[in-house]
Amino acid sequence: MVGEGTTRLPTRRVSHPIRTMLHSFTLIHTMAAALGLALALGFVATRLRLPALVGYLLAGVVIGPYTPGFVAGAAMASQLAEIA
């Protein structure tokens, strides 16, 4: 309820910021999957009394383009290059 002597500000419709960032979802998804897999395999390698680097290398092989399963797109490589 608006009291006497006060005015309501006009509302303005603003586009939601999620709509403008949907194209970068696959990039975020790929980076999260790669980091998560590296973390998990690094932990497994450490539990097997191997250096964590072995787990990181295995994560790169698993997520790389020469194995079946989750593979990042070639167009995404340019986006990843801009981050680094």
N, C-alpha and C. Protein backbone atom coordinates (compact mmCIF):
# COMPACT_ATOMS: atom_id res chain seq x y z
N MET A 1 0.85 -1.17 0.00
CA MET A 1 0.00 0.00 0.00
C MET A 1 0.90 1.23 0.00
N VAL A 2 0.62 2.13 -0.90
CA VAL A 2 1.42 3.34 -1.02
C VAL A 2 0.77 4.41 -0.15
N GLY A 3 1.57 4.99 0.73
CA GLY A 3 1.05 6.02 1.63
C GLY A 3 0.80 7.32 0.90
N GLU A 4 0.13 8.19 1.57
CA GLU A 4 -0.17 9.48 0.97
C GLU A 4 1.10 10.29 0.87
N GLY A 5 1.26 10.97 -0.21
CA GLY A 5 2.42 11.84 -0.40
C GLY A 5 3.63 11.11 -0.99
N THR A 6 3.52 9.80 -1.20
CA THR A 6 4.64 9.08 -1.82
C THR A 6 4.27 8.71 -3.24
N THR A 7 5.24 8.66 -4.06
CA THR A 7 4.99 8.29 -5.46
C THR A 7 5.69 6.97 -5.74
N ARG A 8 5.12 6.23 -6.63
CA ARG A 8 5.71 4.96 -7.03
C ARG A 8 6.63 5.21 -8.23
N LEU A 9 7.77 4.61 -8.18
CA LEU A 9 8.69 4.72 -9.30
C LEU A 9 8.21 3.82 -10.43
N PRO A 10 8.36 4.27 -11.65
CA PRO A 10 7.92 3.42 -12.76
C PRO A 10 8.84 2.20 -12.88
N THR A 11 8.24 1.06 -13.12
CA THR A 11 9.04 -0.16 -13.27
C THR A 11 9.46 -0.30 -14.71
N ARG A 12 10.63 -0.85 -14.87
CA ARG A 12 11.19 -1.02 -16.20
C ARG A 12 11.48 -2.50 -16.40
N ARG A 13 11.11 -3.02 -17.54
CA ARG A 13 11.35 -4.42 -17.82
C ARG A 13 12.78 -4.58 -18.31
N VAL A 14 13.54 -5.41 -17.61
CA VAL A 14 14.94 -5.63 -17.95
C VAL A 14 15.09 -7.08 -18.38
N SER A 15 15.82 -7.30 -19.46
CA SER A 15 16.02 -8.68 -19.89
C SER A 15 16.90 -9.40 -18.88
N HIS A 16 16.62 -10.64 -18.69
CA HIS A 16 17.34 -11.45 -17.71
C HIS A 16 18.75 -11.74 -18.21
N PRO A 17 19.79 -11.60 -17.35
CA PRO A 17 21.17 -11.81 -17.81
C PRO A 17 21.46 -13.26 -18.21
N ILE A 18 20.67 -14.22 -17.75
CA ILE A 18 20.89 -15.61 -18.12
C ILE A 18 20.70 -15.80 -19.63
N ARG A 19 19.78 -15.08 -20.21
CA ARG A 19 19.50 -15.23 -21.64
C ARG A 19 20.69 -14.85 -22.50
N THR A 20 21.51 -13.95 -22.04
CA THR A 20 22.63 -13.52 -22.85
C THR A 20 23.86 -14.40 -22.65
N MET A 21 23.87 -15.28 -21.65
CA MET A 21 25.05 -16.07 -21.36
C MET A 21 24.86 -17.56 -21.64
N LEU A 22 23.83 -17.96 -22.34
CA LEU A 22 23.60 -19.37 -22.58
C LEU A 22 24.66 -19.98 -23.49
N HIS A 23 25.28 -19.19 -24.36
CA HIS A 23 26.27 -19.74 -25.28
C HIS A 23 27.53 -20.19 -24.55
N SER A 24 27.81 -19.67 -23.38
CA SER A 24 29.02 -20.03 -22.66
C SER A 24 28.79 -21.18 -21.68
N PHE A 25 27.60 -21.74 -21.65
CA PHE A 25 27.34 -22.84 -20.74
C PHE A 25 28.16 -24.07 -21.09
N THR A 26 28.32 -24.36 -22.35
CA THR A 26 29.10 -25.54 -22.73
C THR A 26 30.56 -25.38 -22.34
N LEU A 27 31.08 -24.18 -22.42
CA LEU A 27 32.45 -23.93 -22.01
C LEU A 27 32.61 -24.17 -20.51
N ILE A 28 31.69 -23.65 -19.73
CA ILE A 28 31.73 -23.83 -18.29
C ILE A 28 31.56 -25.31 -17.95
N HIS A 29 30.67 -25.99 -18.65
CA HIS A 29 30.45 -27.41 -18.42
C HIS A 29 31.70 -28.22 -18.72
N THR A 30 32.39 -27.92 -19.80
CA THR A 30 33.61 -28.64 -20.16
C THR A 30 34.71 -28.40 -19.14
N MET A 31 34.87 -27.15 -18.73
CA MET A 31 35.91 -26.85 -17.74
C MET A 31 35.61 -27.52 -16.40
N ALA A 32 34.35 -27.51 -15.99
CA ALA A 32 33.98 -28.15 -14.72
C ALA A 32 34.19 -29.66 -14.79
N ALA A 33 33.85 -30.27 -15.92
CA ALA A 33 34.05 -31.71 -16.07
C ALA A 33 35.54 -32.05 -16.06
N ALA A 34 36.34 -31.27 -16.74
CA ALA A 34 37.78 -31.54 -16.79
C ALA A 34 38.42 -31.37 -15.41
N LEU A 35 38.08 -30.30 -14.72
CA LEU A 35 38.65 -30.09 -13.39
C LEU A 35 38.15 -31.13 -12.38
N GLY A 36 36.89 -31.49 -12.48
CA GLY A 36 36.35 -32.51 -11.58
C GLY A 36 36.98 -33.87 -11.81
N LEU A 37 37.15 -34.22 -13.08
CA LEU A 37 37.78 -35.50 -13.39
C LEU A 37 39.24 -35.51 -12.98
N ALA A 38 39.93 -34.40 -13.17
CA ALA A 38 41.33 -34.31 -12.74
C ALA A 38 41.43 -34.43 -11.22
N LEU A 39 40.51 -33.81 -10.50
CA LEU A 39 40.51 -33.91 -9.05
C LEU A 39 40.27 -35.35 -8.60
N ALA A 40 39.28 -36.00 -9.21
CA ALA A 40 38.94 -37.37 -8.81
C ALA A 40 40.08 -38.33 -9.13
N LEU A 41 40.63 -38.25 -10.33
CA LEU A 41 41.71 -39.17 -10.71
C LEU A 41 43.01 -38.84 -9.98
N GLY A 42 43.22 -37.59 -9.65
CA GLY A 42 44.38 -37.23 -8.84
C GLY A 42 44.28 -37.82 -7.45
N PHE A 43 43.07 -37.80 -6.89
CA PHE A 43 42.86 -38.41 -5.58
C PHE A 43 43.06 -39.92 -5.63
N VAL A 44 42.54 -40.56 -6.69
CA VAL A 44 42.71 -42.01 -6.83
C VAL A 44 44.18 -42.36 -6.98
N ALA A 45 44.91 -41.59 -7.76
CA ALA A 45 46.34 -41.85 -7.94
C ALA A 45 47.08 -41.69 -6.61
N THR A 46 46.71 -40.71 -5.84
CA THR A 46 47.35 -40.50 -4.54
C THR A 46 47.05 -41.67 -3.59
N ARG A 47 45.83 -42.18 -3.64
CA ARG A 47 45.47 -43.33 -2.79
C ARG A 47 46.24 -44.58 -3.21
N LEU A 48 46.61 -44.66 -4.49
CA LEU A 48 47.39 -45.80 -4.98
C LEU A 48 48.89 -45.56 -4.81
N ARG A 49 49.25 -44.53 -4.07
CA ARG A 49 50.64 -44.15 -3.79
C ARG A 49 51.41 -43.81 -5.07
N LEU A 50 50.71 -43.17 -5.99
CA LEU A 50 51.32 -42.63 -7.21
C LEU A 50 51.26 -41.11 -7.12
N PRO A 51 52.10 -40.42 -7.87
CA PRO A 51 51.99 -38.96 -7.88
C PRO A 51 50.64 -38.51 -8.44
N ALA A 52 50.13 -37.41 -7.94
CA ALA A 52 48.84 -36.88 -8.41
C ALA A 52 48.92 -36.52 -9.90
N LEU A 53 50.11 -36.24 -10.37
CA LEU A 53 50.29 -35.90 -11.78
C LEU A 53 49.86 -37.05 -12.68
N VAL A 54 50.02 -38.28 -12.24
CA VAL A 54 49.57 -39.43 -13.01
C VAL A 54 48.05 -39.38 -13.19
N GLY A 55 47.34 -39.02 -12.15
CA GLY A 55 45.90 -38.88 -12.24
C GLY A 55 45.48 -37.75 -13.16
N TYR A 56 46.22 -36.65 -13.12
CA TYR A 56 45.91 -35.53 -14.01
C TYR A 56 46.13 -35.92 -15.46
N LEU A 57 47.19 -36.66 -15.73
CA LEU A 57 47.46 -37.11 -17.10
C LEU A 57 46.40 -38.09 -17.57
N LEU A 58 45.97 -38.98 -16.70
CA LEU A 58 44.90 -39.91 -17.07
C LEU A 58 43.59 -39.16 -17.34
N ALA A 59 43.32 -38.11 -16.58
CA ALA A 59 42.12 -37.31 -16.83
C ALA A 59 42.19 -36.66 -18.21
N GLY A 60 43.38 -36.20 -18.60
CA GLY A 60 43.54 -35.62 -19.93
C GLY A 60 43.33 -36.64 -21.03
N VAL A 61 43.76 -37.86 -20.80
CA VAL A 61 43.57 -38.92 -21.79
C VAL A 61 42.09 -39.28 -21.88
N VAL A 62 41.43 -39.37 -20.74
CA VAL A 62 40.01 -39.76 -20.73
C VAL A 62 39.14 -38.71 -21.40
N ILE A 63 39.42 -37.45 -21.16
CA ILE A 63 38.57 -36.39 -21.70
C ILE A 63 39.05 -35.92 -23.08
N GLY A 64 40.16 -36.43 -23.53
CA GLY A 64 40.73 -36.01 -24.81
C GLY A 64 39.94 -36.48 -26.02
N PRO A 65 40.33 -36.02 -27.19
CA PRO A 65 39.57 -36.33 -28.40
C PRO A 65 39.79 -37.74 -28.95
N TYR A 66 40.74 -38.49 -28.43
CA TYR A 66 41.05 -39.80 -28.99
C TYR A 66 40.42 -40.94 -28.22
N THR A 67 39.55 -40.65 -27.28
CA THR A 67 38.85 -41.68 -26.54
C THR A 67 37.35 -41.49 -26.71
N PRO A 68 36.58 -42.57 -26.71
CA PRO A 68 35.12 -42.41 -26.83
C PRO A 68 34.54 -41.84 -25.54
N GLY A 69 33.44 -41.19 -25.68
CA GLY A 69 32.78 -40.60 -24.51
C GLY A 69 32.72 -39.10 -24.64
N PHE A 70 32.89 -38.41 -23.52
CA PHE A 70 32.81 -36.94 -23.48
C PHE A 70 33.99 -36.33 -24.20
N VAL A 71 33.72 -35.58 -25.27
CA VAL A 71 34.77 -34.93 -26.05
C VAL A 71 34.38 -33.48 -26.25
N ALA A 72 35.29 -32.58 -25.99
CA ALA A 72 35.02 -31.15 -26.20
C ALA A 72 35.01 -30.84 -27.68
N GLY A 73 34.22 -29.86 -28.09
CA GLY A 73 34.12 -29.47 -29.47
C GLY A 73 35.35 -28.69 -29.94
N ALA A 74 35.59 -28.73 -31.24
CA ALA A 74 36.75 -28.02 -31.79
C ALA A 74 36.56 -26.51 -31.72
N ALA A 75 35.32 -26.05 -31.84
CA ALA A 75 35.07 -24.61 -31.76
C ALA A 75 35.34 -24.08 -30.36
N MET A 76 35.23 -24.95 -29.37
CA MET A 76 35.46 -24.53 -28.01
C MET A 76 36.94 -24.34 -27.72
N ALA A 77 37.81 -24.91 -28.51
CA ALA A 77 39.25 -24.77 -28.30
C ALA A 77 39.68 -23.31 -28.39
N SER A 78 39.07 -22.56 -29.29
CA SER A 78 39.43 -21.13 -29.38
C SER A 78 38.96 -20.36 -28.15
N GLN A 79 37.82 -20.72 -27.58
CA GLN A 79 37.35 -20.07 -26.37
C GLN A 79 38.27 -20.40 -25.19
N LEU A 80 38.71 -21.65 -25.11
CA LEU A 80 39.64 -22.03 -24.05
C LEU A 80 40.98 -21.35 -24.21
N ALA A 81 41.41 -21.12 -25.45
CA ALA A 81 42.68 -20.45 -25.70
C ALA A 81 42.62 -18.99 -25.25
N GLU A 82 41.46 -18.37 -25.34
CA GLU A 82 41.32 -16.99 -24.91
C GLU A 82 41.38 -16.85 -23.41
N ILE A 83 40.98 -17.89 -22.69
CA ILE A 83 41.02 -17.84 -21.23
C ILE A 83 42.45 -17.87 -20.72
N ALA A 84 43.26 -18.70 -21.31
CA ALA A 84 44.65 -18.88 -20.83
C ALA A 84 45.54 -17.77 -21.22
